[in-house]
Amino acid sequence: MPSQETAHAERVYNSTCTIARSLDVIGARWSLLILREAVNGITRFADFRELLGVAPDVLSDRLASLVEAGLLEKQRYQAPGERPRDEYVLTQRGRDLKLVMAALHDWGDVHVPSEFGVTTTRRRISDDAEVHVAFVDAEGHVVPPDEVYSAPRPGTPAETFFERRSELRERAAATR
């Protein structure tokens, strides 16, 4: 029988919350770091291991999970004089995480900076111009994060969740 914690986790991850479901796929320790390297062209087990310093059994497990989730796919290769091996190549689903990872990187630069400050920038391939992650409206104008909120789509289960969240915010505000 599952523990209360496990049962709660299953309810959360099977919920209508996109973030909870996404974390179920990419939230395990090492997963985002593996994906960071994959986005930057790393495909081979030994290379992931060297760059990340992760134990082989943990790396195998994470790679298998990312393949199962459809973020990476195995492709067979054989270097001259060596046995056939698998490399791990990003799928479109995996490549679509690049924006998420860039936003997380920007957040980290501001809120948990390294002693060296900002160490990398993102640039457009065609002209090497620096690019930034931002909210953009339908006309292409950048919208400050403080002017953006999440709203449920009508007729979805998210409406109930948003209503409850609103009630809890109002209750908290009334006690301040």
N, C-alpha and C. Protein backbone atom coordinates (compact mmCIF):
# COMPACT_ATOMS: atom_id res chain seq x y z
N MET A 1 0.85 -1.19 0.00
CA MET A 1 0.00 0.00 0.00
C MET A 1 0.89 1.25 0.00
N PRO A 2 0.59 2.24 -0.87
CA PRO A 2 1.42 3.44 -0.93
C PRO A 2 1.28 4.26 0.35
N SER A 3 2.36 4.94 0.71
CA SER A 3 2.33 5.82 1.87
C SER A 3 1.46 7.03 1.55
N GLN A 4 1.11 7.79 2.59
CA GLN A 4 0.33 9.01 2.36
C GLN A 4 1.10 9.98 1.48
N GLU A 5 2.42 10.05 1.69
CA GLU A 5 3.25 10.95 0.89
C GLU A 5 3.24 10.53 -0.58
N THR A 6 3.36 9.23 -0.84
CA THR A 6 3.34 8.72 -2.21
C THR A 6 1.98 8.98 -2.85
N ALA A 7 0.92 8.72 -2.10
CA ALA A 7 -0.42 8.95 -2.63
C ALA A 7 -0.62 10.42 -2.96
N HIS A 8 -0.14 11.30 -2.07
CA HIS A 8 -0.25 12.74 -2.34
C HIS A 8 0.54 13.11 -3.59
N ALA A 9 1.75 12.58 -3.72
CA ALA A 9 2.58 12.88 -4.89
C ALA A 9 1.88 12.43 -6.16
N GLU A 10 1.25 11.26 -6.13
CA GLU A 10 0.55 10.78 -7.32
C GLU A 10 -0.61 11.70 -7.66
N ARG A 11 -1.33 12.18 -6.65
CA ARG A 11 -2.44 13.10 -6.91
C ARG A 11 -1.93 14.39 -7.53
N VAL A 12 -0.83 14.92 -6.99
CA VAL A 12 -0.28 16.17 -7.52
C VAL A 12 0.16 15.98 -8.96
N TYR A 13 0.93 14.94 -9.22
CA TYR A 13 1.51 14.77 -10.55
C TYR A 13 0.48 14.32 -11.58
N ASN A 14 -0.64 13.79 -11.15
CA ASN A 14 -1.70 13.44 -12.09
C ASN A 14 -2.73 14.56 -12.17
N SER A 15 -2.39 15.71 -11.65
CA SER A 15 -3.32 16.82 -11.58
C SER A 15 -3.38 17.59 -12.89
N THR A 16 -4.17 18.64 -12.86
CA THR A 16 -4.26 19.52 -14.02
C THR A 16 -3.12 20.52 -14.05
N CYS A 17 -2.27 20.53 -13.03
CA CYS A 17 -1.18 21.50 -12.95
C CYS A 17 -0.04 21.12 -13.90
N THR A 18 0.17 21.96 -14.88
CA THR A 18 1.22 21.72 -15.87
C THR A 18 2.60 21.68 -15.24
N ILE A 19 2.85 22.54 -14.27
CA ILE A 19 4.17 22.56 -13.63
C ILE A 19 4.40 21.26 -12.88
N ALA A 20 3.41 20.78 -12.14
CA ALA A 20 3.56 19.52 -11.41
C ALA A 20 3.83 18.36 -12.38
N ARG A 21 3.08 18.31 -13.47
CA ARG A 21 3.29 17.23 -14.45
C ARG A 21 4.66 17.36 -15.11
N SER A 22 5.10 18.58 -15.38
CA SER A 22 6.42 18.79 -15.99
C SER A 22 7.53 18.36 -15.05
N LEU A 23 7.40 18.68 -13.77
CA LEU A 23 8.41 18.27 -12.80
C LEU A 23 8.48 16.76 -12.66
N ASP A 24 7.37 16.10 -12.88
CA ASP A 24 7.38 14.64 -12.85
C ASP A 24 8.30 14.09 -13.94
N VAL A 25 8.43 14.82 -15.03
CA VAL A 25 9.27 14.38 -16.16
C VAL A 25 10.71 14.86 -16.00
N ILE A 26 10.92 16.10 -15.60
CA ILE A 26 12.28 16.66 -15.60
C ILE A 26 12.81 17.02 -14.22
N GLY A 27 12.03 16.77 -13.16
CA GLY A 27 12.41 17.25 -11.84
C GLY A 27 13.36 16.39 -11.05
N ALA A 28 13.68 15.19 -11.53
CA ALA A 28 14.60 14.33 -10.78
C ALA A 28 16.00 14.91 -10.78
N ARG A 29 16.71 14.68 -9.70
CA ARG A 29 18.09 15.16 -9.59
C ARG A 29 18.86 14.69 -10.81
N TRP A 30 19.64 15.54 -11.38
CA TRP A 30 20.50 15.34 -12.55
C TRP A 30 19.78 15.51 -13.88
N SER A 31 18.48 15.39 -13.93
CA SER A 31 17.79 15.42 -15.24
C SER A 31 18.03 16.73 -15.99
N LEU A 32 17.84 17.86 -15.34
CA LEU A 32 18.04 19.14 -16.03
C LEU A 32 19.49 19.35 -16.43
N LEU A 33 20.42 18.86 -15.62
CA LEU A 33 21.83 19.01 -15.98
C LEU A 33 22.18 18.15 -17.20
N ILE A 34 21.61 16.97 -17.27
CA ILE A 34 21.80 16.13 -18.46
C ILE A 34 21.21 16.83 -19.67
N LEU A 35 20.01 17.37 -19.51
CA LEU A 35 19.37 18.08 -20.62
C LEU A 35 20.15 19.33 -21.00
N ARG A 36 20.73 20.02 -20.02
CA ARG A 36 21.58 21.19 -20.33
C ARG A 36 22.71 20.78 -21.26
N GLU A 37 23.35 19.67 -20.96
CA GLU A 37 24.46 19.21 -21.80
C GLU A 37 23.95 18.74 -23.16
N ALA A 38 22.80 18.08 -23.19
CA ALA A 38 22.24 17.62 -24.47
C ALA A 38 21.89 18.81 -25.36
N VAL A 39 21.32 19.86 -24.78
CA VAL A 39 21.01 21.08 -25.54
C VAL A 39 22.29 21.67 -26.13
N ASN A 40 23.39 21.47 -25.45
CA ASN A 40 24.68 22.00 -25.91
C ASN A 40 25.48 20.98 -26.72
N GLY A 41 24.80 19.95 -27.23
CA GLY A 41 25.42 19.04 -28.19
C GLY A 41 26.06 17.79 -27.64
N ILE A 42 26.00 17.56 -26.34
CA ILE A 42 26.58 16.34 -25.78
C ILE A 42 25.59 15.19 -25.99
N THR A 43 26.09 14.05 -26.47
CA THR A 43 25.20 12.92 -26.77
C THR A 43 25.70 11.60 -26.19
N ARG A 44 26.94 11.53 -25.79
CA ARG A 44 27.52 10.24 -25.41
C ARG A 44 27.65 10.09 -23.89
N PHE A 45 27.37 8.87 -23.45
CA PHE A 45 27.37 8.54 -22.03
C PHE A 45 28.65 9.02 -21.35
N ALA A 46 29.80 8.64 -21.89
CA ALA A 46 31.08 9.00 -21.27
C ALA A 46 31.26 10.51 -21.18
N ASP A 47 30.74 11.24 -22.16
CA ASP A 47 30.87 12.70 -22.14
C ASP A 47 29.97 13.32 -21.08
N PHE A 48 28.73 12.81 -20.95
CA PHE A 48 27.85 13.28 -19.87
C PHE A 48 28.54 13.02 -18.53
N ARG A 49 29.06 11.83 -18.37
CA ARG A 49 29.69 11.43 -17.11
C ARG A 49 30.88 12.34 -16.79
N GLU A 50 31.72 12.60 -17.78
CA GLU A 50 32.89 13.45 -17.56
C GLU A 50 32.49 14.87 -17.17
N LEU A 51 31.55 15.45 -17.90
CA LEU A 51 31.17 16.84 -17.65
C LEU A 51 30.40 17.02 -16.34
N LEU A 52 29.57 16.03 -16.00
CA LEU A 52 28.70 16.18 -14.83
C LEU A 52 29.27 15.55 -13.56
N GLY A 53 30.17 14.58 -13.71
CA GLY A 53 30.70 13.89 -12.53
C GLY A 53 29.66 13.04 -11.82
N VAL A 54 28.69 12.57 -12.55
CA VAL A 54 27.60 11.77 -11.99
C VAL A 54 27.98 10.28 -12.02
N ALA A 55 27.54 9.53 -11.02
CA ALA A 55 27.82 8.09 -10.96
C ALA A 55 27.19 7.39 -12.16
N PRO A 56 27.86 6.38 -12.70
CA PRO A 56 27.34 5.70 -13.91
C PRO A 56 25.94 5.12 -13.74
N ASP A 57 25.63 4.53 -12.58
CA ASP A 57 24.30 3.95 -12.40
C ASP A 57 23.23 5.03 -12.37
N VAL A 58 23.55 6.16 -11.76
CA VAL A 58 22.59 7.28 -11.71
C VAL A 58 22.40 7.84 -13.12
N LEU A 59 23.49 8.01 -13.85
CA LEU A 59 23.40 8.53 -15.21
C LEU A 59 22.58 7.60 -16.09
N SER A 60 22.82 6.29 -15.98
CA SER A 60 22.04 5.32 -16.76
C SER A 60 20.56 5.44 -16.46
N ASP A 61 20.24 5.54 -15.18
CA ASP A 61 18.84 5.65 -14.76
C ASP A 61 18.20 6.93 -15.30
N ARG A 62 18.89 8.06 -15.17
CA ARG A 62 18.34 9.34 -15.65
C ARG A 62 18.18 9.33 -17.17
N LEU A 63 19.19 8.83 -17.88
CA LEU A 63 19.08 8.76 -19.34
C LEU A 63 17.89 7.90 -19.76
N ALA A 64 17.72 6.76 -19.09
CA ALA A 64 16.58 5.89 -19.41
C ALA A 64 15.26 6.61 -19.16
N SER A 65 15.18 7.36 -18.06
CA SER A 65 13.96 8.12 -17.75
C SER A 65 13.68 9.19 -18.80
N LEU A 66 14.73 9.86 -19.24
CA LEU A 66 14.56 10.92 -20.25
C LEU A 66 14.19 10.34 -21.61
N VAL A 67 14.70 9.15 -21.91
CA VAL A 67 14.30 8.46 -23.14
C VAL A 67 12.83 8.05 -23.03
N GLU A 68 12.46 7.46 -21.90
CA GLU A 68 11.08 7.03 -21.68
C GLU A 68 10.11 8.20 -21.76
N ALA A 69 10.54 9.37 -21.29
CA ALA A 69 9.69 10.57 -21.31
C ALA A 69 9.64 11.22 -22.69
N GLY A 70 10.44 10.71 -23.63
CA GLY A 70 10.42 11.25 -24.98
C GLY A 70 11.24 12.51 -25.17
N LEU A 71 12.15 12.81 -24.23
CA LEU A 71 12.99 13.99 -24.34
C LEU A 71 14.29 13.69 -25.07
N LEU A 72 14.75 12.47 -24.95
CA LEU A 72 15.94 11.99 -25.65
C LEU A 72 15.56 10.72 -26.40
N GLU A 73 16.31 10.43 -27.45
CA GLU A 73 16.15 9.14 -28.11
C GLU A 73 17.53 8.53 -28.30
N LYS A 74 17.55 7.21 -28.18
CA LYS A 74 18.81 6.49 -28.38
C LYS A 74 19.07 6.33 -29.87
N GLN A 75 20.31 6.56 -30.25
CA GLN A 75 20.75 6.28 -31.62
C GLN A 75 22.04 5.50 -31.54
N ARG A 76 22.11 4.42 -32.29
CA ARG A 76 23.28 3.54 -32.28
C ARG A 76 24.39 4.16 -33.11
N TYR A 77 25.61 4.08 -32.61
CA TYR A 77 26.79 4.51 -33.35
C TYR A 77 27.92 3.54 -33.06
N GLN A 78 28.93 3.55 -33.90
CA GLN A 78 30.09 2.71 -33.66
C GLN A 78 31.34 3.45 -34.12
N ALA A 79 32.18 3.79 -33.16
CA ALA A 79 33.47 4.42 -33.48
C ALA A 79 34.39 3.34 -34.05
N PRO A 80 35.28 3.71 -34.96
CA PRO A 80 36.18 2.72 -35.56
C PRO A 80 36.94 1.93 -34.49
N GLY A 81 36.90 0.62 -34.63
CA GLY A 81 37.61 -0.27 -33.71
C GLY A 81 36.94 -0.47 -32.37
N GLU A 82 35.74 0.06 -32.18
CA GLU A 82 35.04 -0.09 -30.90
C GLU A 82 33.72 -0.82 -31.10
N ARG A 83 33.14 -1.25 -29.99
CA ARG A 83 31.84 -1.93 -30.04
C ARG A 83 30.74 -0.89 -30.29
N PRO A 84 29.61 -1.33 -30.81
CA PRO A 84 28.48 -0.40 -31.00
C PRO A 84 28.00 0.14 -29.64
N ARG A 85 27.62 1.38 -29.63
CA ARG A 85 27.11 2.04 -28.41
C ARG A 85 25.91 2.90 -28.78
N ASP A 86 25.21 3.32 -27.75
CA ASP A 86 24.09 4.25 -27.95
C ASP A 86 24.53 5.65 -27.59
N GLU A 87 24.04 6.61 -28.36
CA GLU A 87 24.16 8.00 -27.94
C GLU A 87 22.75 8.52 -27.72
N TYR A 88 22.64 9.63 -27.04
CA TYR A 88 21.35 10.16 -26.61
C TYR A 88 21.15 11.52 -27.25
N VAL A 89 20.19 11.58 -28.16
CA VAL A 89 19.96 12.77 -28.97
C VAL A 89 18.62 13.40 -28.57
N LEU A 90 18.61 14.71 -28.45
CA LEU A 90 17.37 15.41 -28.11
C LEU A 90 16.30 15.19 -29.16
N THR A 91 15.09 14.94 -28.71
CA THR A 91 13.92 14.94 -29.59
C THR A 91 13.41 16.38 -29.67
N GLN A 92 12.40 16.61 -30.48
CA GLN A 92 11.81 17.95 -30.52
C GLN A 92 11.28 18.34 -29.14
N ARG A 93 10.69 17.38 -28.47
CA ARG A 93 10.17 17.62 -27.12
C ARG A 93 11.30 18.08 -26.19
N GLY A 94 12.46 17.47 -26.32
CA GLY A 94 13.62 17.87 -25.52
C GLY A 94 14.15 19.23 -25.93
N ARG A 95 14.21 19.48 -27.24
CA ARG A 95 14.70 20.78 -27.73
C ARG A 95 13.79 21.91 -27.27
N ASP A 96 12.50 21.62 -27.11
CA ASP A 96 11.56 22.64 -26.66
C ASP A 96 11.83 23.10 -25.23
N LEU A 97 12.64 22.37 -24.48
CA LEU A 97 13.00 22.78 -23.12
C LEU A 97 14.09 23.86 -23.10
N LYS A 98 14.67 24.16 -24.23
CA LYS A 98 15.76 25.14 -24.28
C LYS A 98 15.32 26.49 -23.70
N LEU A 99 14.13 26.92 -24.02
CA LEU A 99 13.61 28.19 -23.52
C LEU A 99 13.43 28.14 -22.00
N VAL A 100 12.91 27.03 -21.50
CA VAL A 100 12.73 26.86 -20.06
C VAL A 100 14.08 26.92 -19.36
N MET A 101 15.05 26.24 -19.92
CA MET A 101 16.38 26.21 -19.31
C MET A 101 17.04 27.59 -19.37
N ALA A 102 16.81 28.33 -20.43
CA ALA A 102 17.35 29.69 -20.53
C ALA A 102 16.73 30.58 -19.46
N ALA A 103 15.42 30.44 -19.24
CA ALA A 103 14.76 31.23 -18.20
C ALA A 103 15.29 30.86 -16.82
N LEU A 104 15.50 29.58 -16.57
CA LEU A 104 16.05 29.14 -15.29
C LEU A 104 17.48 29.68 -15.11
N HIS A 105 18.23 29.67 -16.19
CA HIS A 105 19.59 30.21 -16.17
C HIS A 105 19.58 31.69 -15.81
N ASP A 106 18.69 32.46 -16.45
CA ASP A 106 18.59 33.89 -16.16
C ASP A 106 18.22 34.13 -14.70
N TRP A 107 17.27 33.34 -14.20
CA TRP A 107 16.87 33.47 -12.80
C TRP A 107 18.07 33.21 -11.89
N GLY A 108 18.82 32.17 -12.18
CA GLY A 108 19.99 31.84 -11.38
C GLY A 108 21.05 32.92 -11.41
N ASP A 109 21.26 33.53 -12.58
CA ASP A 109 22.23 34.62 -12.67
C ASP A 109 21.89 35.76 -11.72
N VAL A 110 20.59 36.03 -11.56
CA VAL A 110 20.15 37.13 -10.70
C VAL A 110 20.09 36.72 -9.23
N HIS A 111 19.53 35.55 -8.94
CA HIS A 111 19.20 35.19 -7.56
C HIS A 111 20.19 34.26 -6.87
N VAL A 112 20.98 33.53 -7.60
CA VAL A 112 22.03 32.68 -7.01
C VAL A 112 23.28 32.78 -7.88
N PRO A 113 23.82 34.00 -7.99
CA PRO A 113 24.95 34.21 -8.91
C PRO A 113 26.22 33.50 -8.43
N SER A 114 27.07 33.18 -9.38
CA SER A 114 28.36 32.61 -9.03
C SER A 114 29.31 33.74 -8.64
N GLU A 115 30.44 33.38 -8.10
CA GLU A 115 31.43 34.39 -7.72
C GLU A 115 31.96 35.13 -8.93
N PHE A 116 31.77 34.57 -10.14
CA PHE A 116 32.25 35.18 -11.37
C PHE A 116 31.21 36.07 -12.03
N GLY A 117 30.00 36.12 -11.45
CA GLY A 117 28.92 36.88 -12.06
C GLY A 117 28.33 36.11 -13.23
N VAL A 118 27.76 36.82 -14.17
CA VAL A 118 27.16 36.19 -15.35
C VAL A 118 28.29 35.60 -16.19
N THR A 119 28.19 34.31 -16.49
CA THR A 119 29.28 33.63 -17.20
C THR A 119 28.96 33.31 -18.65
N THR A 120 27.69 33.37 -19.03
CA THR A 120 27.34 33.07 -20.42
C THR A 120 26.22 34.00 -20.88
N THR A 121 26.11 34.14 -22.19
CA THR A 121 24.99 34.84 -22.81
C THR A 121 24.44 33.94 -23.90
N ARG A 122 23.26 34.27 -24.36
CA ARG A 122 22.68 33.55 -25.49
C ARG A 122 22.72 34.46 -26.71
N ARG A 123 23.04 33.87 -27.85
CA ARG A 123 23.19 34.66 -29.08
C ARG A 123 22.47 33.98 -30.23
N ARG A 124 22.01 34.80 -31.17
CA ARG A 124 21.36 34.30 -32.38
C ARG A 124 22.42 33.73 -33.31
N ILE A 125 22.17 32.58 -33.87
CA ILE A 125 23.13 31.91 -34.74
C ILE A 125 23.44 32.74 -35.98
N SER A 126 22.42 33.35 -36.57
CA SER A 126 22.60 34.03 -37.86
C SER A 126 23.50 35.26 -37.81
N ASP A 127 23.48 36.01 -36.68
CA ASP A 127 24.26 37.25 -36.65
C ASP A 127 25.00 37.49 -35.33
N ASP A 128 24.97 36.53 -34.44
CA ASP A 128 25.67 36.61 -33.16
C ASP A 128 25.12 37.69 -32.24
N ALA A 129 23.91 38.19 -32.52
CA ALA A 129 23.30 39.20 -31.66
C ALA A 129 22.84 38.54 -30.36
N GLU A 130 23.02 39.26 -29.25
CA GLU A 130 22.59 38.74 -27.96
C GLU A 130 21.06 38.69 -27.93
N VAL A 131 20.50 37.63 -27.34
CA VAL A 131 19.05 37.47 -27.22
C VAL A 131 18.71 37.22 -25.75
N HIS A 132 17.44 37.49 -25.40
CA HIS A 132 16.99 37.36 -24.01
C HIS A 132 15.66 36.62 -23.97
N VAL A 133 15.39 35.99 -22.84
CA VAL A 133 14.11 35.34 -22.59
C VAL A 133 13.16 36.39 -22.06
N ALA A 134 11.92 36.41 -22.57
CA ALA A 134 10.96 37.42 -22.11
C ALA A 134 9.54 36.98 -22.42
N PHE A 135 8.59 37.58 -21.70
CA PHE A 135 7.19 37.47 -22.07
C PHE A 135 6.97 38.44 -23.22
N VAL A 136 6.28 38.00 -24.26
CA VAL A 136 6.04 38.84 -25.43
C VAL A 136 4.55 38.74 -25.77
N ASP A 137 3.92 39.88 -26.03
CA ASP A 137 2.50 39.86 -26.38
C ASP A 137 2.31 39.54 -27.86
N ALA A 138 1.06 39.50 -28.28
CA ALA A 138 0.73 39.11 -29.66
C ALA A 138 1.32 40.07 -30.70
N GLU A 139 1.59 41.30 -30.31
CA GLU A 139 2.18 42.28 -31.24
C GLU A 139 3.70 42.28 -31.20
N GLY A 140 4.28 41.43 -30.37
CA GLY A 140 5.74 41.34 -30.30
C GLY A 140 6.38 42.26 -29.27
N HIS A 141 5.58 42.89 -28.43
CA HIS A 141 6.12 43.79 -27.40
C HIS A 141 6.47 43.00 -26.14
N VAL A 142 7.61 43.32 -25.54
CA VAL A 142 8.03 42.68 -24.29
C VAL A 142 7.13 43.18 -23.16
N VAL A 143 6.67 42.24 -22.34
CA VAL A 143 5.80 42.55 -21.21
C VAL A 143 6.57 42.23 -19.92
N PRO A 144 6.70 43.19 -18.99
CA PRO A 144 7.40 42.91 -17.74
C PRO A 144 6.73 41.77 -16.97
N PRO A 145 7.51 40.90 -16.32
CA PRO A 145 6.94 39.76 -15.59
C PRO A 145 5.89 40.16 -14.56
N ASP A 146 6.04 41.31 -13.91
CA ASP A 146 5.06 41.74 -12.90
C ASP A 146 3.71 42.09 -13.52
N GLU A 147 3.64 42.23 -14.83
CA GLU A 147 2.38 42.54 -15.51
C GLU A 147 1.74 41.29 -16.11
N VAL A 148 2.27 40.12 -15.78
CA VAL A 148 1.77 38.86 -16.35
C VAL A 148 1.18 38.01 -15.23
N TYR A 149 0.03 37.40 -15.48
CA TYR A 149 -0.55 36.46 -14.52
C TYR A 149 -1.07 35.25 -15.28
N SER A 150 -1.29 34.18 -14.56
CA SER A 150 -1.86 32.96 -15.15
C SER A 150 -3.35 32.97 -14.94
N ALA A 151 -4.08 32.54 -15.95
CA ALA A 151 -5.53 32.47 -15.86
C ALA A 151 -5.99 31.12 -16.39
N PRO A 152 -6.99 30.53 -15.76
CA PRO A 152 -7.47 29.23 -16.24
C PRO A 152 -8.26 29.39 -17.53
N ARG A 153 -8.19 28.39 -18.35
CA ARG A 153 -9.04 28.37 -19.54
C ARG A 153 -10.45 27.96 -19.10
N PRO A 154 -11.46 28.68 -19.55
CA PRO A 154 -12.84 28.35 -19.15
C PRO A 154 -13.19 26.91 -19.50
N GLY A 155 -13.92 26.28 -18.58
CA GLY A 155 -14.40 24.93 -18.82
C GLY A 155 -13.38 23.84 -18.53
N THR A 156 -12.22 24.20 -17.99
CA THR A 156 -11.22 23.19 -17.65
C THR A 156 -11.20 22.98 -16.14
N PRO A 157 -10.65 21.84 -15.69
CA PRO A 157 -10.54 21.61 -14.24
C PRO A 157 -9.70 22.67 -13.53
N ALA A 158 -8.86 23.37 -14.27
CA ALA A 158 -8.02 24.41 -13.65
C ALA A 158 -8.87 25.52 -13.05
N GLU A 159 -10.07 25.73 -13.58
CA GLU A 159 -10.93 26.79 -13.03
C GLU A 159 -11.17 26.59 -11.54
N THR A 160 -11.46 25.36 -11.13
CA THR A 160 -11.72 25.06 -9.72
C THR A 160 -10.49 25.35 -8.88
N PHE A 161 -9.33 24.95 -9.36
CA PHE A 161 -8.07 25.18 -8.64
C PHE A 161 -7.82 26.68 -8.49
N PHE A 162 -8.01 27.43 -9.55
CA PHE A 162 -7.78 28.88 -9.50
C PHE A 162 -8.77 29.55 -8.55
N GLU A 163 -10.02 29.07 -8.54
CA GLU A 163 -11.01 29.63 -7.62
C GLU A 163 -10.58 29.40 -6.18
N ARG A 164 -10.11 28.19 -5.87
CA ARG A 164 -9.67 27.87 -4.51
C ARG A 164 -8.45 28.72 -4.14
N ARG A 165 -7.52 28.87 -5.07
CA ARG A 165 -6.33 29.69 -4.82
C ARG A 165 -6.75 31.13 -4.50
N SER A 166 -7.72 31.65 -5.24
CA SER A 166 -8.20 33.02 -5.02
C SER A 166 -8.83 33.14 -3.63
N GLU A 167 -9.61 32.14 -3.23
CA GLU A 167 -10.22 32.15 -1.89
C GLU A 167 -9.14 32.18 -0.80
N LEU A 168 -8.10 31.39 -0.97
CA LEU A 168 -7.02 31.33 0.02
C LEU A 168 -6.26 32.65 0.09
N ARG A 169 -6.03 33.29 -1.07
CA ARG A 169 -5.35 34.59 -1.08
C ARG A 169 -6.19 35.63 -0.34
N GLU A 170 -7.50 35.63 -0.62
CA GLU A 170 -8.40 36.58 0.03
C GLU A 170 -8.43 36.37 1.54
N ARG A 171 -8.47 35.11 1.96
CA ARG A 171 -8.48 34.81 3.39
C ARG A 171 -7.19 35.29 4.05
N ALA A 172 -6.06 35.08 3.40
CA ALA A 172 -4.78 35.54 3.95
C ALA A 172 -4.74 37.06 4.02
N ALA A 173 -5.24 37.72 2.98
CA ALA A 173 -5.22 39.19 2.95
C ALA A 173 -6.10 39.76 4.06
N ALA A 174 -7.19 39.08 4.38
CA ALA A 174 -8.11 39.56 5.41
C ALA A 174 -7.50 39.48 6.80
N THR A 175 -6.49 38.65 6.99
CA THR A 175 -5.88 38.50 8.31
C THR A 175 -4.61 39.32 8.47
N ARG A 176 -4.25 40.09 7.48
CA ARG A 176 -3.03 40.91 7.57
C ARG A 176 -3.30 42.22 8.24
